[in-house]
Amino acid sequence: MKYYVLSLLILFFNFAGWSCPSNVTKLNKGEAAPCTGYLFNPETELEARIAIQSSQKKDQIVKIQEEMLGIQDERVKNFQDENEALQKRLKVREDERYLSGAAGFLIGAILTGFIASNVGR
């Protein structure tokens, strides 16, 4: 809110300055101002300019942070998608391993039974 008020003051000061004969007029104590508007001493003007510049920098920082968050969200989504695909591939491999192990055991049992039946003859 403070920055908003300062921005308005400076904006009105600039509009008031359009009716003045020059941009900068030195006033001595007790002298009337050549035009209407706001009168700032140099320290107050510097504070107002710094406040506006820091507000603009903060806005730029917020914009950059929002872009960074968007990129991070996209990375997280890609990571989750890749993780799900890898989990599916792992499940398929585990199922294949189980079937190949069961098939190997079955073949070994049949061969052992066949050999045992032929040894007895």
N, C-alpha and C. Protein backbone atom coordinates (compact mmCIF):
# COMPACT_ATOMS: atom_id res chain seq x y z
N MET A 1 0.82 -1.18 0.00
CA MET A 1 0.00 0.00 0.00
C MET A 1 0.87 1.25 0.00
N LYS A 2 1.97 1.18 0.74
CA LYS A 2 2.88 2.31 0.83
C LYS A 2 3.45 2.64 -0.56
N TYR A 3 3.81 1.59 -1.30
CA TYR A 3 4.37 1.80 -2.63
C TYR A 3 3.32 2.35 -3.58
N TYR A 4 2.10 1.92 -3.40
CA TYR A 4 1.02 2.41 -4.24
C TYR A 4 0.81 3.90 -4.03
N VAL A 5 0.80 4.34 -2.78
CA VAL A 5 0.62 5.75 -2.46
C VAL A 5 1.79 6.57 -3.00
N LEU A 6 3.00 6.05 -2.80
CA LEU A 6 4.17 6.76 -3.32
C LEU A 6 4.14 6.86 -4.83
N SER A 7 3.69 5.79 -5.48
CA SER A 7 3.59 5.82 -6.95
C SER A 7 2.59 6.88 -7.39
N LEU A 8 1.46 6.95 -6.69
CA LEU A 8 0.46 7.96 -7.04
C LEU A 8 1.00 9.37 -6.83
N LEU A 9 1.71 9.57 -5.72
CA LEU A 9 2.29 10.89 -5.46
C LEU A 9 3.25 11.31 -6.57
N ILE A 10 4.09 10.39 -6.95
CA ILE A 10 5.06 10.72 -8.00
C ILE A 10 4.36 10.93 -9.34
N LEU A 11 3.33 10.13 -9.60
CA LEU A 11 2.56 10.30 -10.83
C LEU A 11 1.90 11.66 -10.87
N PHE A 12 1.27 12.04 -9.79
CA PHE A 12 0.64 13.37 -9.74
C PHE A 12 1.69 14.47 -9.83
N PHE A 13 2.84 14.23 -9.22
CA PHE A 13 3.92 15.20 -9.28
C PHE A 13 4.37 15.40 -10.73
N ASN A 14 4.45 14.29 -11.46
CA ASN A 14 4.85 14.38 -12.86
C ASN A 14 3.81 15.12 -13.69
N PHE A 15 2.52 14.83 -13.45
CA PHE A 15 1.47 15.53 -14.20
C PHE A 15 1.45 17.02 -13.84
N ALA A 16 1.70 17.34 -12.58
CA ALA A 16 1.73 18.74 -12.17
C ALA A 16 2.92 19.44 -12.80
N GLY A 17 3.99 18.70 -13.02
CA GLY A 17 5.18 19.27 -13.61
C GLY A 17 5.01 19.67 -15.06
N TRP A 18 4.00 19.13 -15.73
CA TRP A 18 3.79 19.48 -17.14
C TRP A 18 3.40 20.95 -17.31
N SER A 19 2.78 21.51 -16.29
CA SER A 19 2.38 22.90 -16.41
C SER A 19 3.50 23.86 -16.00
N CYS A 20 4.57 23.33 -15.46
CA CYS A 20 5.69 24.16 -15.03
C CYS A 20 6.54 24.54 -16.24
N PRO A 21 7.20 25.70 -16.18
CA PRO A 21 8.04 26.11 -17.29
C PRO A 21 9.30 25.25 -17.45
N SER A 22 9.80 24.65 -16.37
CA SER A 22 10.99 23.79 -16.48
C SER A 22 10.82 22.61 -15.54
N ASN A 23 11.60 21.58 -15.79
CA ASN A 23 11.49 20.37 -14.96
C ASN A 23 11.99 20.59 -13.55
N VAL A 24 13.05 21.36 -13.39
CA VAL A 24 13.63 21.58 -12.08
C VAL A 24 13.68 23.09 -11.82
N THR A 25 13.12 23.46 -10.70
CA THR A 25 13.16 24.87 -10.31
C THR A 25 13.65 24.93 -8.87
N LYS A 26 14.70 25.70 -8.64
CA LYS A 26 15.22 25.83 -7.29
C LYS A 26 14.37 26.86 -6.55
N LEU A 27 13.91 26.48 -5.37
CA LEU A 27 13.11 27.38 -4.55
C LEU A 27 13.92 27.77 -3.33
N ASN A 28 13.87 29.00 -3.02
CA ASN A 28 14.49 29.48 -1.79
C ASN A 28 13.41 29.60 -0.73
N LYS A 29 13.82 29.68 0.50
CA LYS A 29 12.88 29.75 1.62
C LYS A 29 12.01 31.00 1.47
N GLY A 30 10.69 30.80 1.57
CA GLY A 30 9.75 31.90 1.49
C GLY A 30 9.34 32.24 0.06
N GLU A 31 9.93 31.64 -0.93
CA GLU A 31 9.60 31.92 -2.32
C GLU A 31 8.41 31.08 -2.75
N ALA A 32 7.53 31.61 -3.59
CA ALA A 32 6.35 30.88 -4.06
C ALA A 32 6.74 29.91 -5.17
N ALA A 33 6.08 28.80 -5.19
CA ALA A 33 6.35 27.81 -6.23
C ALA A 33 5.80 28.31 -7.56
N PRO A 34 6.49 28.03 -8.67
CA PRO A 34 6.06 28.53 -9.97
C PRO A 34 4.83 27.80 -10.53
N CYS A 35 4.47 26.67 -9.94
CA CYS A 35 3.31 25.92 -10.44
C CYS A 35 2.72 25.11 -9.29
N THR A 36 1.59 24.49 -9.54
CA THR A 36 0.95 23.68 -8.50
C THR A 36 1.46 22.26 -8.59
N GLY A 37 1.32 21.53 -7.54
CA GLY A 37 1.75 20.14 -7.52
C GLY A 37 2.34 19.79 -6.17
N TYR A 38 3.06 18.71 -6.14
CA TYR A 38 3.70 18.27 -4.91
C TYR A 38 5.15 18.72 -4.90
N LEU A 39 5.59 19.08 -3.73
CA LEU A 39 6.96 19.52 -3.57
C LEU A 39 7.67 18.55 -2.64
N PHE A 40 8.72 17.93 -3.16
CA PHE A 40 9.51 16.98 -2.38
C PHE A 40 10.87 17.58 -2.11
N ASN A 41 11.37 17.31 -0.92
CA ASN A 41 12.77 17.64 -0.70
C ASN A 41 13.60 16.51 -1.29
N PRO A 42 14.87 16.69 -1.56
CA PRO A 42 15.67 15.67 -2.24
C PRO A 42 15.69 14.32 -1.51
N GLU A 43 15.70 14.34 -0.18
CA GLU A 43 15.75 13.08 0.56
C GLU A 43 14.45 12.29 0.37
N THR A 44 13.31 12.99 0.44
CA THR A 44 12.02 12.31 0.27
C THR A 44 11.87 11.78 -1.14
N GLU A 45 12.32 12.56 -2.12
CA GLU A 45 12.24 12.10 -3.51
C GLU A 45 13.10 10.85 -3.69
N LEU A 46 14.29 10.85 -3.12
CA LEU A 46 15.17 9.68 -3.22
C LEU A 46 14.52 8.46 -2.58
N GLU A 47 13.91 8.66 -1.42
CA GLU A 47 13.23 7.54 -0.76
C GLU A 47 12.09 7.00 -1.62
N ALA A 48 11.32 7.91 -2.24
CA ALA A 48 10.22 7.49 -3.10
C ALA A 48 10.73 6.74 -4.32
N ARG A 49 11.79 7.22 -4.94
CA ARG A 49 12.37 6.54 -6.11
C ARG A 49 12.90 5.15 -5.73
N ILE A 50 13.58 5.09 -4.60
CA ILE A 50 14.11 3.80 -4.15
C ILE A 50 12.98 2.82 -3.87
N ALA A 51 11.90 3.32 -3.24
CA ALA A 51 10.76 2.45 -2.95
C ALA A 51 10.14 1.92 -4.24
N ILE A 52 10.01 2.77 -5.22
CA ILE A 52 9.41 2.32 -6.50
C ILE A 52 10.33 1.33 -7.20
N GLN A 53 11.62 1.62 -7.23
CA GLN A 53 12.57 0.71 -7.88
C GLN A 53 12.62 -0.64 -7.18
N SER A 54 12.60 -0.63 -5.85
CA SER A 54 12.62 -1.91 -5.13
C SER A 54 11.32 -2.67 -5.35
N SER A 55 10.21 -1.95 -5.47
CA SER A 55 8.93 -2.61 -5.77
C SER A 55 8.97 -3.25 -7.14
N GLN A 56 9.55 -2.56 -8.11
CA GLN A 56 9.65 -3.13 -9.46
C GLN A 56 10.57 -4.33 -9.46
N LYS A 57 11.66 -4.27 -8.71
CA LYS A 57 12.58 -5.40 -8.63
C LYS A 57 11.90 -6.59 -7.97
N LYS A 58 11.10 -6.32 -6.94
CA LYS A 58 10.38 -7.40 -6.27
C LYS A 58 9.40 -8.05 -7.24
N ASP A 59 8.73 -7.24 -8.06
CA ASP A 59 7.81 -7.79 -9.05
C ASP A 59 8.55 -8.66 -10.05
N GLN A 60 9.74 -8.23 -10.46
CA GLN A 60 10.54 -9.03 -11.38
C GLN A 60 10.96 -10.34 -10.73
N ILE A 61 11.34 -10.28 -9.47
CA ILE A 61 11.76 -11.49 -8.75
C ILE A 61 10.58 -12.46 -8.63
N VAL A 62 9.41 -11.93 -8.33
CA VAL A 62 8.22 -12.79 -8.21
C VAL A 62 7.93 -13.45 -9.55
N LYS A 63 8.05 -12.72 -10.64
CA LYS A 63 7.79 -13.27 -11.97
C LYS A 63 8.78 -14.39 -12.28
N ILE A 64 10.05 -14.16 -11.98
CA ILE A 64 11.07 -15.19 -12.21
C ILE A 64 10.81 -16.42 -11.36
N GLN A 65 10.42 -16.21 -10.10
CA GLN A 65 10.14 -17.34 -9.22
C GLN A 65 8.94 -18.13 -9.71
N GLU A 66 7.93 -17.45 -10.24
CA GLU A 66 6.77 -18.15 -10.78
C GLU A 66 7.17 -19.00 -11.99
N GLU A 67 8.05 -18.47 -12.83
CA GLU A 67 8.54 -19.25 -13.97
C GLU A 67 9.32 -20.47 -13.49
N MET A 68 10.15 -20.27 -12.47
CA MET A 68 10.93 -21.38 -11.93
C MET A 68 10.02 -22.45 -11.33
N LEU A 69 8.97 -22.03 -10.63
CA LEU A 69 8.03 -23.00 -10.06
C LEU A 69 7.32 -23.78 -11.16
N GLY A 70 6.98 -23.09 -12.25
CA GLY A 70 6.36 -23.78 -13.38
C GLY A 70 7.28 -24.83 -13.97
N ILE A 71 8.55 -24.49 -14.11
CA ILE A 71 9.53 -25.44 -14.64
C ILE A 71 9.69 -26.62 -13.68
N GLN A 72 9.75 -26.34 -12.38
CA GLN A 72 9.89 -27.41 -11.39
C GLN A 72 8.66 -28.32 -11.39
N ASP A 73 7.47 -27.74 -11.53
CA ASP A 73 6.26 -28.56 -11.61
C ASP A 73 6.30 -29.48 -12.81
N GLU A 74 6.78 -28.96 -13.94
CA GLU A 74 6.90 -29.78 -15.15
C GLU A 74 7.90 -30.91 -14.94
N ARG A 75 9.02 -30.60 -14.28
CA ARG A 75 10.02 -31.64 -14.00
C ARG A 75 9.45 -32.72 -13.08
N VAL A 76 8.71 -32.31 -12.06
CA VAL A 76 8.11 -33.28 -11.14
C VAL A 76 7.13 -34.17 -11.88
N LYS A 77 6.32 -33.58 -12.76
CA LYS A 77 5.36 -34.37 -13.53
C LYS A 77 6.09 -35.37 -14.43
N ASN A 78 7.15 -34.92 -15.11
CA ASN A 78 7.93 -35.83 -15.96
C ASN A 78 8.57 -36.94 -15.14
N PHE A 79 9.08 -36.60 -13.95
CA PHE A 79 9.68 -37.61 -13.08
C PHE A 79 8.65 -38.65 -12.65
N GLN A 80 7.45 -38.18 -12.29
CA GLN A 80 6.41 -39.11 -11.87
C GLN A 80 5.98 -40.02 -13.02
N ASP A 81 5.85 -39.46 -14.22
CA ASP A 81 5.49 -40.28 -15.38
C ASP A 81 6.55 -41.34 -15.67
N GLU A 82 7.82 -40.92 -15.61
CA GLU A 82 8.91 -41.88 -15.85
C GLU A 82 8.95 -42.94 -14.76
N ASN A 83 8.70 -42.54 -13.52
CA ASN A 83 8.68 -43.48 -12.41
C ASN A 83 7.59 -44.53 -12.60
N GLU A 84 6.41 -44.08 -13.01
CA GLU A 84 5.31 -45.03 -13.25
C GLU A 84 5.65 -46.01 -14.37
N ALA A 85 6.27 -45.50 -15.45
CA ALA A 85 6.65 -46.38 -16.56
C ALA A 85 7.68 -47.41 -16.11
N LEU A 86 8.65 -46.99 -15.31
CA LEU A 86 9.67 -47.92 -14.81
C LEU A 86 9.07 -48.97 -13.87
N GLN A 87 8.11 -48.56 -13.06
CA GLN A 87 7.45 -49.53 -12.16
C GLN A 87 6.69 -50.58 -12.97
N LYS A 88 6.04 -50.16 -14.04
CA LYS A 88 5.32 -51.12 -14.90
C LYS A 88 6.30 -52.09 -15.56
N ARG A 89 7.45 -51.56 -16.04
CA ARG A 89 8.45 -52.44 -16.65
C ARG A 89 9.01 -53.42 -15.64
N LEU A 90 9.23 -52.97 -14.40
CA LEU A 90 9.74 -53.86 -13.36
C LEU A 90 8.74 -54.96 -13.05
N LYS A 91 7.47 -54.63 -12.98
CA LYS A 91 6.44 -55.64 -12.71
C LYS A 91 6.41 -56.69 -13.82
N VAL A 92 6.51 -56.23 -15.08
CA VAL A 92 6.52 -57.18 -16.20
C VAL A 92 7.73 -58.09 -16.10
N ARG A 93 8.89 -57.55 -15.77
CA ARG A 93 10.10 -58.38 -15.65
C ARG A 93 9.98 -59.37 -14.49
N GLU A 94 9.39 -58.94 -13.38
CA GLU A 94 9.21 -59.86 -12.26
C GLU A 94 8.28 -61.00 -12.65
N ASP A 95 7.21 -60.67 -13.38
CA ASP A 95 6.30 -61.71 -13.85
C ASP A 95 7.00 -62.67 -14.81
N GLU A 96 7.83 -62.13 -15.71
CA GLU A 96 8.57 -62.98 -16.64
C GLU A 96 9.55 -63.89 -15.90
N ARG A 97 10.22 -63.33 -14.88
CA ARG A 97 11.15 -64.13 -14.09
C ARG A 97 10.44 -65.27 -13.37
N TYR A 98 9.28 -64.99 -12.84
CA TYR A 98 8.51 -66.01 -12.13
C TYR A 98 8.10 -67.13 -13.10
N LEU A 99 7.60 -66.73 -14.28
CA LEU A 99 7.17 -67.74 -15.26
C LEU A 99 8.35 -68.56 -15.77
N SER A 100 9.48 -67.92 -16.02
CA SER A 100 10.64 -68.68 -16.51
C SER A 100 11.15 -69.62 -15.41
N GLY A 101 11.12 -69.18 -14.15
CA GLY A 101 11.54 -70.05 -13.05
C GLY A 101 10.60 -71.23 -12.88
N ALA A 102 9.31 -70.98 -12.99
CA ALA A 102 8.33 -72.07 -12.87
C ALA A 102 8.46 -73.05 -14.03
N ALA A 103 8.68 -72.51 -15.25
CA ALA A 103 8.84 -73.38 -16.41
C ALA A 103 10.10 -74.22 -16.28
N GLY A 104 11.19 -73.63 -15.80
CA GLY A 104 12.43 -74.38 -15.61
C GLY A 104 12.26 -75.48 -14.57
N PHE A 105 11.57 -75.19 -13.48
CA PHE A 105 11.32 -76.21 -12.46
C PHE A 105 10.48 -77.35 -13.02
N LEU A 106 9.46 -77.00 -13.80
CA LEU A 106 8.56 -78.02 -14.38
C LEU A 106 9.33 -78.91 -15.35
N ILE A 107 10.16 -78.30 -16.20
CA ILE A 107 10.96 -79.10 -17.15
C ILE A 107 11.93 -80.00 -16.39
N GLY A 108 12.57 -79.46 -15.35
CA GLY A 108 13.50 -80.27 -14.55
C GLY A 108 12.80 -81.42 -13.86
N ALA A 109 11.59 -81.18 -13.34
CA ALA A 109 10.84 -82.25 -12.67
C ALA A 109 10.45 -83.34 -13.67
N ILE A 110 10.03 -82.95 -14.85
CA ILE A 110 9.63 -83.93 -15.87
C ILE A 110 10.83 -84.76 -16.32
N LEU A 111 11.97 -84.09 -16.57
CA LEU A 111 13.18 -84.82 -16.98
C LEU A 111 13.66 -85.76 -15.88
N THR A 112 13.61 -85.30 -14.63
CA THR A 112 14.03 -86.15 -13.51
C THR A 112 13.12 -87.38 -13.41
N GLY A 113 11.82 -87.15 -13.58
CA GLY A 113 10.88 -88.28 -13.54
C GLY A 113 11.11 -89.23 -14.69
N PHE A 114 11.39 -88.70 -15.87
CA PHE A 114 11.64 -89.55 -17.04
C PHE A 114 12.90 -90.36 -16.84
N ILE A 115 13.97 -89.71 -16.34
CA ILE A 115 15.22 -90.41 -16.10
C ILE A 115 15.06 -91.46 -15.01
N ALA A 116 14.33 -91.14 -13.97
CA ALA A 116 14.13 -92.09 -12.87
C ALA A 116 13.32 -93.30 -13.34
N SER A 117 12.35 -93.05 -14.20
CA SER A 117 11.56 -94.19 -14.68
C SER A 117 12.37 -95.07 -15.62
N ASN A 118 13.31 -94.51 -16.36
CA ASN A 118 14.13 -95.31 -17.27
C ASN A 118 15.25 -96.03 -16.52
N VAL A 119 15.73 -95.54 -15.42
CA VAL A 119 16.77 -96.20 -14.66
C VAL A 119 16.22 -97.49 -14.05
N GLY A 120 14.98 -97.48 -13.66
CA GLY A 120 14.39 -98.67 -13.03
C GLY A 120 14.13 -99.79 -14.03
N ARG A 121 14.15 -99.64 -15.28
CA ARG A 121 13.87 -100.69 -16.25
C ARG A 121 15.03 -101.52 -16.57
